Protein backbone atom coordinates (compact mmCIF):
# COMPACT_ATOMS: atom_id res chain seq x y z
CA MET A 1 -12.19 -30.73 76.24
CA ALA A 2 -11.26 -33.49 79.06
CA THR A 3 -9.66 -32.24 82.09
CA GLU A 4 -7.36 -34.48 84.30
CA GLN A 5 -8.20 -35.13 87.89
CA LEU A 6 -5.04 -35.56 89.91
CA PHE A 7 -4.80 -37.26 93.45
CA GLN A 8 -2.29 -38.23 95.85
CA ILE A 9 -2.47 -41.72 97.58
CA GLY A 10 -1.68 -42.07 101.23
CA ILE A 11 -1.46 -45.44 102.94
CA LYS A 12 -2.56 -45.38 106.66
CA ALA A 13 -2.38 -47.90 109.61
CA VAL A 14 -5.29 -48.32 111.83
CA ALA A 15 -2.66 -49.75 114.52
CA GLN A 16 -4.28 -51.37 117.47
CA ASN A 17 -2.64 -52.55 120.74
CA GLU A 18 -3.54 -55.64 122.75
CA LYS A 19 -6.58 -53.74 124.36
CA GLY A 20 -7.95 -52.67 121.08
CA GLU A 21 -7.03 -49.00 121.36
CA ILE A 22 -6.02 -47.19 118.18
CA LEU A 23 -2.87 -45.27 117.65
CA LEU A 24 -3.31 -41.72 116.70
CA LEU A 25 -0.78 -39.00 115.80
CA ALA A 26 -1.32 -35.26 116.48
CA VAL A 27 -0.55 -33.29 113.32
CA PRO A 28 0.12 -29.50 113.73
CA ALA A 29 -1.55 -26.96 111.43
CA TRP A 30 0.37 -26.84 108.12
CA ASP A 31 -0.31 -24.97 104.83
CA ASP A 32 -4.10 -24.22 104.78
CA ASN A 33 -5.03 -27.35 106.84
CA PRO A 34 -5.69 -27.01 110.72
CA ALA A 35 -4.23 -29.16 113.37
CA HIS A 36 -5.74 -32.54 113.55
CA TRP A 37 -5.47 -36.20 114.62
CA ASP A 38 -4.30 -38.71 112.03
CA LEU A 39 -3.42 -42.28 111.67
CA PRO A 40 0.26 -43.30 111.11
CA GLY A 41 1.25 -43.47 107.43
CA GLY A 42 1.96 -41.42 104.34
CA ARG A 43 2.32 -41.21 100.65
CA MET A 44 3.65 -43.89 98.35
CA GLU A 45 7.04 -43.63 96.83
CA PRO A 46 7.73 -44.66 93.32
CA GLY A 47 8.17 -48.61 93.04
CA GLU A 48 6.31 -49.21 96.21
CA ASP A 49 3.12 -51.34 96.65
CA PHE A 50 0.65 -50.60 99.24
CA VAL A 51 1.86 -52.90 101.91
CA GLN A 52 5.53 -51.83 101.40
CA THR A 53 4.48 -48.35 101.84
CA LEU A 54 2.61 -49.18 105.00
CA ARG A 55 5.56 -50.87 106.50
CA ARG A 56 8.07 -48.14 105.57
CA GLU A 57 5.73 -45.55 107.01
CA LEU A 58 5.29 -47.36 110.37
CA GLN A 59 9.02 -47.69 110.71
CA GLU A 60 9.61 -44.00 109.68
CA GLU A 61 6.75 -42.33 111.87
CA ILE A 62 6.62 -44.59 115.01
CA GLY A 63 9.66 -46.67 114.98
CA ILE A 64 8.02 -50.08 114.46
CA ALA A 65 9.38 -52.64 112.10
CA TYR A 66 6.04 -54.22 111.34
CA ASP A 67 5.92 -57.53 109.46
CA GLY A 68 2.51 -58.88 110.35
CA PRO A 69 -0.69 -59.08 108.46
CA ALA A 70 -2.33 -55.99 107.10
CA GLU A 71 -5.99 -55.99 106.35
CA HIS A 72 -7.31 -53.23 103.85
CA MET A 73 -10.32 -51.65 105.49
CA ALA A 74 -11.40 -48.90 103.08
CA THR A 75 -10.45 -46.56 100.27
CA VAL A 76 -11.72 -43.18 101.12
CA LEU A 77 -11.47 -39.47 99.88
CA SER A 78 -10.04 -37.21 102.62
CA ASN A 79 -11.73 -34.07 103.89
CA ILE A 80 -8.42 -32.27 103.51
CA THR A 81 -6.38 -31.47 100.33
CA ILE A 82 -2.55 -31.12 100.11
CA PRO A 83 -0.56 -28.55 98.06
CA VAL A 84 1.20 -30.04 95.05
CA GLY A 85 2.91 -27.35 93.01
CA ASP A 86 0.61 -24.41 92.64
CA ALA A 87 -2.50 -26.48 93.20
CA ARG A 88 -4.37 -28.24 96.03
CA VAL A 89 -4.86 -31.94 95.34
CA PRO A 90 -7.38 -34.38 96.80
CA LEU A 91 -5.92 -37.09 99.07
CA ILE A 92 -7.17 -40.69 98.58
CA LEU A 93 -6.59 -42.84 101.67
CA MET A 94 -6.14 -46.56 101.99
CA PRO A 95 -6.18 -47.59 105.72
CA TYR A 96 -5.00 -50.96 106.66
CA ARG A 97 -5.82 -52.63 109.97
CA VAL A 98 -2.77 -53.88 111.86
CA GLN A 99 -2.18 -55.39 115.41
CA LEU A 100 1.02 -54.17 116.87
CA PRO A 101 2.99 -56.50 119.08
CA ALA A 102 2.13 -56.18 122.87
CA ASP A 103 5.95 -55.00 123.36
CA SER A 104 5.77 -52.34 120.74
CA VAL A 105 7.42 -49.03 121.75
CA ILE A 106 6.32 -45.97 120.05
CA THR A 107 9.09 -43.78 118.92
CA LEU A 108 8.00 -40.76 117.03
CA ASP A 109 10.39 -39.29 114.33
CA PRO A 110 12.20 -36.49 115.85
CA ASN A 111 12.26 -34.80 112.46
CA GLY A 112 8.66 -35.40 111.55
CA PRO A 113 5.90 -32.86 112.23
CA GLU A 114 4.12 -35.23 114.69
CA GLN A 115 5.38 -34.80 118.11
CA GLU A 116 2.44 -36.31 120.18
CA PHE A 117 0.57 -39.40 120.09
CA ALA A 118 -2.27 -41.13 121.86
CA TRP A 119 -3.79 -44.58 122.29
CA CYS A 120 -7.62 -43.96 122.01
CA THR A 121 -10.66 -46.25 122.25
CA PRO A 122 -12.38 -46.76 118.90
CA GLU A 123 -15.10 -44.24 119.83
CA VAL A 124 -12.69 -41.41 120.80
CA ALA A 125 -10.50 -42.23 117.59
CA ALA A 126 -13.68 -42.15 115.39
CA GLU A 127 -14.46 -38.51 116.83
CA ARG A 128 -10.91 -37.32 116.63
CA LEU A 129 -10.53 -38.60 112.97
CA LEU A 130 -13.50 -36.76 111.54
CA ARG A 131 -11.63 -33.53 110.65
CA LYS A 132 -9.55 -35.75 107.91
CA TYR A 133 -11.73 -38.77 107.19
CA PRO A 134 -15.19 -39.16 106.03
CA GLN A 135 -18.07 -40.10 108.43
CA GLU A 136 -18.50 -43.51 106.97
CA PHE A 137 -14.93 -44.42 107.67
CA CYS A 138 -15.22 -43.02 111.12
CA ASN A 139 -18.33 -45.07 111.88
CA ALA A 140 -16.30 -48.28 110.80
CA ILE A 141 -13.58 -47.17 113.26
CA LYS A 142 -16.16 -46.93 115.93
CA GLU A 143 -17.15 -50.37 115.52
CA LEU A 144 -13.65 -51.94 116.06
């Protein structure tokens, strides 16, 4: 008997500033997941494509109306799972590299769980992302 494997898809932004630093958001502990650092982004909504989701999430999470290019970096399986109904579901993440304009001002969603952000060197970002992202993706972040 065949069984279905369900996944959620998250679109993430490897958002860099003019110094090459990467924007990370501090995510508090929730459900069975510990507190961790993450990239801005979130799950797709019905009818959206990947880049539409990326743009919506950048606007919602960090207050940036981004309309520049988005380079797909990877498709990875997250180290954490998320609750969906009575089950925990694996999360497939699709990070896109974006260059934020030099005059960008980060404004976190006051109703969102993320209440802290940090601009990090690629090396520090790679270390901080290891809780949620696989090693091979973090190695690629380190090389940016």
